[in-house]
Protein backbone atom coordinates (compact mmCIF):
# COMPACT_ATOMS: atom_id res chain seq x y z
CA MET A 1 0.00 0.00 0.00
CA ARG A 2 1.48 3.32 -1.08
CA CYS A 3 1.22 5.95 1.61
CA THR A 4 3.20 8.86 0.29
CA ALA A 5 2.62 11.07 -2.70
CA ARG A 6 5.65 11.10 -4.98
CA ARG A 7 6.78 14.45 -6.34
CA PHE A 8 7.62 14.23 -10.05
CA LEU A 9 9.76 16.74 -11.97
CA SER A 10 9.92 17.32 -15.69
CA GLY A 11 12.69 15.53 -17.59
CA ALA A 12 14.60 18.76 -18.16
CA ALA A 13 14.46 19.65 -14.49
CA VAL A 14 15.71 16.22 -13.50
CA PHE A 15 18.72 16.42 -15.84
CA ALA A 16 19.51 19.89 -14.58
CA LEU A 17 19.45 18.77 -10.98
CA LEU A 18 21.55 15.67 -11.68
CA ALA A 19 24.14 17.84 -13.40
CA PHE A 20 24.66 19.87 -10.23
CA LEU A 21 23.93 17.12 -7.69
CA PRO A 22 25.51 13.83 -8.82
CA ALA A 23 24.60 12.16 -5.54
CA LEU A 24 20.89 12.86 -5.87
CA GLY A 25 20.16 9.61 -7.68
CA ALA A 26 21.70 7.55 -4.88
CA ALA A 27 19.85 9.48 -2.19
CA ALA A 28 16.53 9.07 -3.98
CA GLY A 29 17.11 5.33 -4.33
CA LYS A 30 16.20 4.48 -0.73
CA GLU A 31 12.54 3.69 -0.16
CA VAL A 32 11.79 2.95 3.49
CA LYS A 33 9.70 -0.18 3.97
CA ILE A 34 7.47 -0.50 7.04
CA GLY A 35 6.12 -3.99 7.67
CA VAL A 36 2.73 -3.95 9.38
CA VAL A 37 1.48 -7.03 11.24
CA ILE A 38 -2.13 -6.51 12.37
CA PRO A 39 -5.43 -8.40 12.17
CA THR A 40 -7.27 -7.48 8.99
CA THR A 41 -9.82 -10.23 9.62
CA GLY A 42 -11.54 -11.53 12.74
CA VAL A 43 -12.76 -10.13 16.05
CA ALA A 44 -10.33 -7.19 16.20
CA SER A 45 -10.41 -6.17 12.54
CA GLY A 46 -13.01 -3.46 13.16
CA LEU A 47 -10.20 -1.29 14.52
CA THR A 48 -7.97 -1.74 11.49
CA PRO A 49 -9.39 0.84 9.02
CA GLY A 50 -8.71 3.62 11.53
CA VAL A 51 -5.32 2.16 12.40
CA LEU A 52 -4.17 2.11 8.78
CA ALA A 53 -5.53 5.60 8.19
CA ALA A 54 -3.53 6.90 11.17
CA MET A 55 -0.36 5.18 10.01
CA GLU A 56 -0.75 6.66 6.55
CA LEU A 57 -1.16 10.12 8.08
CA ALA A 58 2.10 9.68 10.01
CA VAL A 59 3.99 8.45 6.95
CA ASP A 60 2.73 11.42 4.95
CA LYS A 61 3.57 13.86 7.74
CA ILE A 62 7.19 12.69 7.81
CA GLU A 63 7.38 12.94 4.00
CA LYS A 64 6.04 16.51 4.02
CA ASP A 65 8.11 17.60 7.03
CA GLY A 66 11.71 16.77 6.20
CA GLY A 67 11.17 13.62 4.16
CA TRP A 68 12.30 10.05 4.56
CA LEU A 69 15.47 9.10 2.66
CA GLY A 70 14.65 10.43 -0.77
CA SER A 71 11.97 8.06 -2.06
CA GLY A 72 9.32 8.12 0.64
CA ALA A 73 8.05 5.14 2.60
CA LYS A 74 5.42 2.49 2.14
CA LEU A 75 3.43 0.18 4.38
CA ILE A 76 3.50 -3.54 3.58
CA ILE A 77 0.60 -5.15 5.42
CA ARG A 78 0.13 -8.73 6.62
CA ASP A 79 -2.88 -10.22 8.42
CA SER A 80 -1.85 -11.56 11.84
CA LYS A 81 -5.31 -13.08 12.42
CA LEU A 82 -4.75 -12.09 16.08
CA ASN A 83 -2.69 -15.27 16.37
CA PRO A 84 0.86 -15.20 17.78
CA GLU A 85 2.10 -18.02 15.53
CA VAL A 86 0.72 -16.36 12.42
CA ALA A 87 2.01 -12.96 13.53
CA SER A 88 5.56 -14.23 14.05
CA ARG A 89 5.50 -16.03 10.68
CA MET A 90 4.28 -12.88 8.92
CA ALA A 91 6.97 -10.79 10.63
CA ARG A 92 9.67 -13.21 9.51
CA GLU A 93 8.35 -13.14 5.94
CA LEU A 94 8.29 -9.36 5.89
CA ILE A 95 11.90 -9.19 7.08
CA GLU A 96 13.41 -12.01 5.05
CA VAL A 97 11.37 -11.76 1.83
CA ASP A 98 10.09 -8.18 1.65
CA LYS A 99 13.24 -6.76 3.25
CA VAL A 100 11.36 -4.29 5.45
CA ASP A 101 13.31 -1.88 7.63
CA ILE A 102 10.99 -2.17 10.66
CA ILE A 103 8.07 -4.23 11.90
CA VAL A 104 5.13 -2.30 13.34
CA GLY A 105 1.99 -3.81 14.80
CA CYS A 106 0.50 -6.38 17.18
CA TYR A 107 -2.77 -5.51 18.90
CA SER A 108 -2.42 -8.28 21.49
CA SER A 109 0.23 -9.03 24.08
CA SER A 110 0.71 -12.64 22.94
CA GLU A 111 1.32 -11.45 19.37
CA ALA A 112 3.75 -8.80 20.59
CA LEU A 113 5.83 -11.27 22.60
CA ALA A 114 6.01 -13.66 19.64
CA VAL A 115 6.97 -11.02 17.07
CA SER A 116 9.48 -9.48 19.46
CA GLU A 117 11.41 -12.75 19.50
CA VAL A 118 11.65 -12.65 15.70
CA ALA A 119 12.91 -9.06 15.83
CA LYS A 120 15.49 -10.03 18.43
CA GLU A 121 16.74 -12.97 16.36
CA LEU A 122 16.93 -11.05 13.09
CA LYS A 123 18.05 -7.76 14.69
CA VAL A 124 15.33 -5.64 13.10
CA PRO A 125 13.41 -2.90 14.96
CA PHE A 126 9.94 -3.84 16.17
CA CYS A 127 7.43 -1.26 17.41
CA CYS A 128 4.53 -2.67 19.39
CA ILE A 129 1.39 -0.58 18.90
CA GLY A 130 -1.06 -2.47 21.12
CA GLY A 131 0.19 -5.33 23.28
CA LYS A 132 0.57 -3.96 26.80
CA THR A 133 2.12 -6.78 28.78
CA ASP A 134 4.89 -5.42 30.99
CA LYS A 135 7.02 -8.44 30.06
CA LEU A 136 7.70 -6.93 26.64
CA THR A 137 9.84 -4.14 28.06
CA GLU A 138 10.90 -5.93 31.23
CA GLN A 139 11.60 -9.70 31.42
CA SER A 140 11.52 -10.13 27.62
CA PHE A 141 13.22 -6.83 26.79
CA HIS A 142 15.91 -6.62 24.12
CA PRO A 143 17.47 -3.67 22.26
CA TYR A 144 15.34 -3.97 19.09
CA VAL A 145 11.89 -3.58 20.66
CA PHE A 146 10.05 -0.36 21.51
CA ARG A 147 6.42 0.42 22.25
CA THR A 148 4.10 3.33 21.51
CA ALA A 149 1.13 1.82 23.37
CA THR A 150 0.86 2.22 27.10
CA THR A 151 1.70 -0.60 29.55
CA ALA A 152 -0.45 -2.98 31.57
CA THR A 153 0.71 -1.27 34.76
CA CYS A 154 -0.18 2.19 33.45
CA GLU A 155 -3.67 1.04 32.50
CA ALA A 156 -4.19 -0.77 35.80
CA ARG A 157 -3.16 2.24 37.86
CA GLY A 158 -5.33 4.58 35.78
CA GLY A 159 -8.31 2.25 36.19
CA ALA A 160 -7.69 1.92 39.91
CA ARG A 161 -7.88 5.69 40.32
CA VAL A 162 -11.28 5.75 38.63
CA ALA A 163 -12.54 2.73 40.57
CA ALA A 164 -11.43 4.20 43.90
CA ARG A 165 -13.47 7.35 43.27
CA LEU A 166 -16.55 5.32 42.39
CA LEU A 167 -16.17 3.14 45.52
CA LYS A 168 -15.78 6.09 47.88
CA GLY A 169 -17.90 5.67 51.01
CA LYS A 170 -18.34 1.89 50.69
CA THR A 171 -17.08 -0.42 53.43
CA ALA A 172 -15.09 -3.48 52.35
CA PRO A 173 -16.19 -3.13 48.71
CA LYS A 174 -16.13 -6.21 46.52
CA VAL A 175 -14.33 -5.91 43.17
CA ALA A 176 -14.20 -8.52 40.43
CA VAL A 177 -12.63 -8.80 37.00
CA SER A 178 -14.34 -9.74 33.76
CA SER A 179 -11.83 -10.62 31.08
CA TRP A 180 -10.80 -12.95 28.35
CA ASP A 181 -8.32 -15.51 29.63
CA TYR A 182 -5.24 -14.07 27.94
CA GLU A 183 -1.89 -12.44 28.65
CA TYR A 184 -3.18 -8.88 28.58
CA GLY A 185 -6.07 -9.54 30.98
CA HIS A 186 -3.91 -11.27 33.55
CA SER A 187 -1.17 -8.63 33.25
CA VAL A 188 -3.55 -5.73 33.92
CA TRP A 189 -5.52 -7.51 36.66
CA ASP A 190 -2.32 -8.50 38.48
CA ALA A 191 -1.27 -4.84 38.47
CA PHE A 192 -4.77 -3.53 39.26
CA LYS A 193 -5.19 -5.43 42.55
CA PRO A 194 -2.24 -3.84 44.39
CA ALA A 195 -3.08 -0.46 42.86
CA ILE A 196 -6.69 -0.43 44.08
CA THR A 197 -5.67 -1.93 47.45
CA LYS A 198 -3.32 0.99 47.99
CA LEU A 199 -6.22 3.41 47.40
CA VAL A 200 -8.96 1.33 49.07
CA PRO A 201 -7.22 -0.78 51.76
CA ASP A 202 -10.28 -2.86 52.73
CA VAL A 203 -11.16 -3.87 49.17
CA GLN A 204 -12.06 -7.54 48.59
CA PHE A 205 -11.69 -9.71 45.47
CA PRO A 206 -14.33 -12.45 45.78
CA TYR A 207 -14.56 -13.57 42.17
CA GLU A 208 -12.79 -13.55 38.79
CA ALA A 209 -14.73 -14.12 35.57
CA TRP A 210 -12.36 -15.43 32.89
CA SER A 211 -13.87 -16.22 29.48
CA LYS A 212 -12.06 -17.78 26.56
CA ALA A 213 -10.58 -15.29 24.10
CA GLY A 214 -13.12 -14.41 21.44
CA GLU A 215 -16.07 -15.65 23.50
CA THR A 216 -19.49 -14.66 22.17
CA ASP A 217 -21.77 -15.90 24.99
CA TYR A 218 -21.18 -13.98 28.22
CA GLY A 219 -24.36 -15.14 29.96
CA PRO A 220 -22.60 -17.46 32.48
CA ALA A 221 -20.02 -14.80 33.40
CA ILE A 222 -22.69 -12.11 33.77
CA GLU A 223 -24.85 -14.32 35.99
CA ALA A 224 -21.86 -15.22 38.17
CA LEU A 225 -20.81 -11.59 38.62
CA VAL A 226 -24.32 -10.56 39.62
CA GLY A 227 -24.65 -13.61 41.86
CA HIS A 228 -21.52 -12.75 43.82
CA LYS A 229 -23.03 -9.34 44.60
CA VAL A 230 -19.87 -7.46 43.73
CA ASP A 231 -19.82 -3.67 43.95
CA LEU A 232 -17.61 -3.07 40.94
CA VAL A 233 -16.48 -5.03 37.89
CA PHE A 234 -13.25 -4.07 36.13
CA ASN A 235 -13.63 -5.14 32.51
CA LEU A 236 -10.68 -6.30 30.42
CA ILE A 237 -12.61 -7.98 27.59
CA TRP A 238 -11.39 -6.39 24.40
CA ALA A 239 -12.15 -5.60 20.75
CA GLY A 240 -15.45 -6.94 19.39
CA GLY A 241 -16.07 -8.63 22.72
CA VAL A 242 -16.77 -5.28 24.41
CA PRO A 243 -19.99 -4.30 22.57
CA THR A 244 -21.09 -7.96 22.66
CA PHE A 245 -20.70 -8.08 26.46
CA VAL A 246 -22.44 -4.74 26.96
CA SER A 247 -25.37 -5.74 24.77
CA GLN A 248 -25.85 -9.06 26.56
CA ALA A 249 -25.35 -7.58 30.03
CA LYS A 250 -28.17 -5.08 29.49
CA SER A 251 -30.70 -7.89 29.25
CA TYR A 252 -29.70 -9.03 32.77
CA GLY A 253 -30.10 -5.55 34.30
CA PHE A 254 -26.36 -5.80 34.94
CA PHE A 255 -25.55 -2.10 34.92
CA GLU A 256 -28.34 -1.27 37.38
CA LYS A 257 -27.00 -3.80 39.91
CA LEU A 258 -23.32 -2.87 40.04
CA THR A 259 -20.68 -0.44 38.84
CA TRP A 260 -18.77 -1.30 35.66
CA VAL A 261 -15.44 0.24 34.73
CA THR A 262 -13.80 -0.83 31.50
CA GLY A 263 -10.16 -0.92 30.64
CA ALA A 264 -9.01 -2.42 27.33
CA GLU A 265 -9.95 0.86 25.65
CA GLY A 266 -13.54 -0.31 26.01
CA HIS A 267 -14.73 3.23 25.29
CA ASN A 268 -13.09 3.52 21.90
CA SER A 269 -15.50 5.47 19.73
CA GLU A 270 -15.47 2.54 17.30
CA TYR A 271 -17.28 0.38 19.91
CA LEU A 272 -19.61 3.15 21.08
CA LYS A 273 -20.64 3.76 17.47
CA GLN A 274 -21.46 0.09 16.99
CA LEU A 275 -24.19 0.05 19.64
CA GLY A 276 -25.43 3.61 19.22
CA LYS A 277 -28.13 4.45 21.74
CA GLU A 278 -28.07 0.91 23.11
CA TRP A 279 -24.82 1.66 24.97
CA PRO A 280 -25.74 2.70 28.56
CA GLU A 281 -24.99 6.20 29.72
CA GLY A 282 -22.89 6.88 32.81
CA LEU A 283 -20.36 4.07 32.37
CA TRP A 284 -16.71 4.80 33.06
CA GLY A 285 -13.91 3.55 30.87
CA ASN A 286 -10.88 4.41 28.78
CA THR A 287 -9.74 5.02 25.25
CA TYR A 288 -6.38 5.89 23.72
CA SER A 289 -7.09 9.47 22.68
CA TYR A 290 -9.87 12.02 22.36
CA PRO A 291 -10.58 15.20 20.36
CA GLY A 292 -9.69 18.30 22.35
CA LEU A 293 -7.94 16.41 25.14
CA PRO A 294 -5.43 17.93 25.34
CA ASP A 295 -6.40 21.14 23.56
CA THR A 296 -3.20 21.66 21.57
CA PRO A 297 -2.52 22.60 17.93
CA LEU A 298 -1.06 19.16 17.20
CA GLN A 299 -4.11 17.43 18.69
CA LYS A 300 -6.41 19.53 16.51
CA GLU A 301 -4.28 18.87 13.44
CA TYR A 302 -4.30 15.10 14.02
CA PHE A 303 -8.05 14.75 14.51
CA ALA A 304 -8.86 17.11 11.66
CA ALA A 305 -6.71 15.02 9.32
CA LEU A 306 -8.18 11.77 10.63
CA GLU A 307 -11.76 13.03 10.23
CA LYS A 308 -11.00 14.13 6.68
CA LYS A 309 -9.51 10.73 5.84
CA MET A 310 -12.22 8.64 7.54
CA GLY A 311 -15.26 10.68 6.52
CA ALA A 312 -18.25 11.96 8.49
CA GLY A 313 -19.06 10.92 12.03
CA PHE A 314 -17.17 10.83 15.29
CA PRO A 315 -13.50 10.03 14.57
CA PRO A 316 -11.91 6.78 15.73
CA THR A 317 -10.12 7.17 19.07
CA ALA A 318 -8.13 3.92 19.07
CA PRO A 319 -5.34 4.65 16.54
CA SER A 320 -3.14 7.11 18.44
CA SER A 321 -0.38 4.64 19.32
CA MET A 322 -0.50 3.38 15.74
CA TYR A 323 0.02 6.94 14.45
CA LEU A 324 2.99 7.39 16.78
CA ALA A 325 4.87 4.32 15.55
CA PRO A 326 5.75 5.63 12.05
CA LEU A 327 6.08 9.14 13.48
CA PHE A 328 8.76 8.18 16.01
CA TYR A 329 10.50 5.90 13.52
CA GLY A 330 10.44 8.60 10.86
CA ARG A 331 11.96 11.19 13.18
CA ALA A 332 14.68 8.70 14.11
CA VAL A 333 15.40 8.05 10.42
CA GLN A 334 15.63 11.78 9.78
CA LYS A 335 17.99 12.29 12.70
CA ALA A 336 20.18 9.27 11.92
CA LYS A 337 19.97 9.67 8.11
CA THR A 338 19.84 5.89 7.80
CA THR A 339 17.65 2.86 8.47
CA ASP A 340 20.53 0.84 9.92
CA PRO A 341 18.84 -1.07 12.79
CA ASP A 342 21.46 -0.48 15.49
CA THR A 343 21.79 3.20 14.64
CA ILE A 344 18.00 3.64 14.63
CA MET A 345 17.51 1.94 17.98
CA LYS A 346 20.28 3.99 19.59
CA THR A 347 18.69 7.12 18.13
CA LEU A 348 15.26 6.19 19.54
CA GLU A 349 16.62 5.85 23.08
CA GLY A 350 15.60 9.04 24.85
CA LEU A 351 14.22 10.60 21.66
CA GLU A 352 11.67 13.36 22.23
CA ILE A 353 9.47 14.57 19.37
CA ASP A 354 6.63 16.98 18.72
CA ALA A 355 3.41 14.99 18.92
CA PRO A 356 -0.29 15.13 19.78
CA PHE A 357 -1.78 13.31 22.81
CA SER A 358 0.33 15.31 25.27
CA PRO A 359 -0.40 18.66 26.99
CA THR A 360 3.21 19.73 26.37
CA GLY A 361 3.08 18.83 22.68
CA LYS A 362 6.03 16.49 23.28
CA LEU A 363 6.38 12.73 23.76
CA LEU A 364 9.52 10.71 24.46
CA ILE A 365 10.84 7.17 24.49
CA ARG A 366 12.49 6.27 27.77
CA ALA A 367 15.96 4.87 27.11
CA GLN A 368 15.85 2.22 29.82
CA ASP A 369 12.90 0.25 28.47
CA HIS A 370 12.07 1.85 25.09
CA GLN A 371 8.62 2.74 26.41
CA ILE A 372 6.83 5.86 25.24
CA ASN A 373 5.18 8.08 27.87
CA SER A 374 1.89 7.69 26.00
CA SER A 375 -1.48 8.74 27.36
CA GLN A 376 -4.92 7.29 27.97
CA VAL A 377 -8.23 9.06 28.38
CA TRP A 378 -10.72 8.00 31.07
CA GLY A 379 -14.28 9.29 30.86
CA LYS A 380 -18.00 8.64 31.34
CA THR A 381 -20.44 7.83 28.55
CA LYS A 382 -23.23 10.20 27.53
CA TYR A 383 -25.41 9.89 24.43
CA ASP A 384 -24.88 12.59 21.83
CA GLU A 385 -27.73 13.27 19.42
CA LYS A 386 -25.46 14.85 16.81
CA PHE A 387 -23.31 11.75 16.39
CA LYS A 388 -26.03 9.22 17.25
CA GLN A 389 -23.73 7.48 19.73
CA ASN A 390 -22.28 7.88 23.20
CA ILE A 391 -19.33 10.19 23.68
CA LEU A 392 -17.15 10.76 26.76
CA VAL A 393 -17.79 13.48 29.33
CA ASP A 394 -15.93 14.42 32.52
CA ALA A 395 -12.91 12.98 30.72
CA GLU A 396 -9.34 13.21 31.97
CA LEU A 397 -5.99 12.64 30.31
CA VAL A 398 -3.56 10.38 32.17
CA MET A 399 0.00 10.44 30.86
CA GLY A 400 2.18 7.36 30.96
CA ASP A 401 4.83 9.00 33.08
CA GLN A 402 2.19 9.59 35.76
CA THR A 403 1.55 5.87 36.18
CA TRP A 404 4.44 3.84 34.75
CA LYS A 405 7.03 1.99 36.83
CA THR A 406 10.23 3.80 37.75
CA GLU A 407 13.38 3.18 35.77
CA GLU A 408 14.89 1.32 38.71
CA GLU A 409 11.86 -0.96 39.00
CA VAL A 410 12.00 -1.76 35.31
CA LYS A 411 15.78 -2.19 35.25
CA ALA A 412 15.64 -4.79 38.04
CA LEU A 413 13.30 -6.94 35.94
CA GLN A 414 15.19 -6.75 32.64
CA PRO A 415 17.74 -9.33 31.47
CA ALA A 416 21.09 -8.51 33.07
CA GLU A 417 22.83 -8.06 29.70
CA TYR A 418 20.50 -5.17 28.75
CA ARG A 419 20.20 -3.26 32.02
CA ASP A 420 23.08 -0.91 31.25
CA VAL A 421 21.87 1.32 28.42
CA ALA A 422 25.33 2.27 27.19
CA ALA A 423 26.63 -1.30 27.32
CA ARG A 424 23.86 -2.60 25.05
CA TRP A 425 25.59 -1.27 21.97
CA LYS A 426 29.21 -2.13 22.71
CA LYS A 427 30.75 -4.22 19.97
CA LYS A 428 30.78 -7.88 20.92
């Protein structure tokens, strides 16, 4: 898929330029190839049109603002089918056959861990845009992986702050999880429990509702959660499972009997649009980004461009981390003037760029773990007649560096050979 508009000159102009700039032909010969491994079919594919649109916007922005390496960049897309084995096979094919310069993608944590191993073996940069497991940048960290999505710990701590406010005044409140039985769900729930306990010391965890990944019948889980008389359910079901769960839960009077807070970007506008007025008002949850939050020129520019590309209606709110992947990589390429993997990864360490999704207009990649200080938005649903769907009100922006682990905490969990940032790149 071509994502940049080529600029063509007349034949006479080309010959004139070549006469004065003999090196121009060599410079223009490098086309940057970005391999994209995401689900284009299946339960998570509803997010993909917005994701690809955002990536294309980032590729075009780099081309228009300083350029790539003379001949633009293109996205080469493979369907991961949300399957770690397929994702790793597609990543290997993109690197070995298509000769891509970087792998970008992976909505799920299991996919991310699998593809990361391929990147480590073949020494090619991999940017994770969705999988949030802390293991990726901690126990399984290596120098060729970086992430523009937030982490499981960041999401858990953000959700715990919301849950604590909603539980205020209750004695020994009961909190349960509703999630698919997968790496992401367990990672966030394991981080959520100590986070909410710190804020609500007498909290109890009487029940955990784990459904198989991709489940379509949530009746048994809904009945069990209601039966245990919990005060709050923290949802970590994801993708197409979110609107399915909400729709089924309504028939049980679920939302009248307890408080529901959703992580997993359960309030992405893509899901809210799917159910329209059927989505209950007053539910708290998160999404990756939101128009006007923060109210910065770059935020306005991003959403205006996304709306123009996607057409009428409320813009998708999921693709922010997907937009940031080519943007960070492109800025690193511009700074390094090469796509050499080692040089790019060293350039990315500590790199700060102009970007939306931040009140300062800046985002950075922490050198220790290659984790971006990306944001999430937490808000409450309210039906909007103009868009014929729920939107978020009382929303707040939570930056990654407000909730992520400290560098020392992360460093202690990383493989010993990669803990020293400077030593990572010493010649063996």
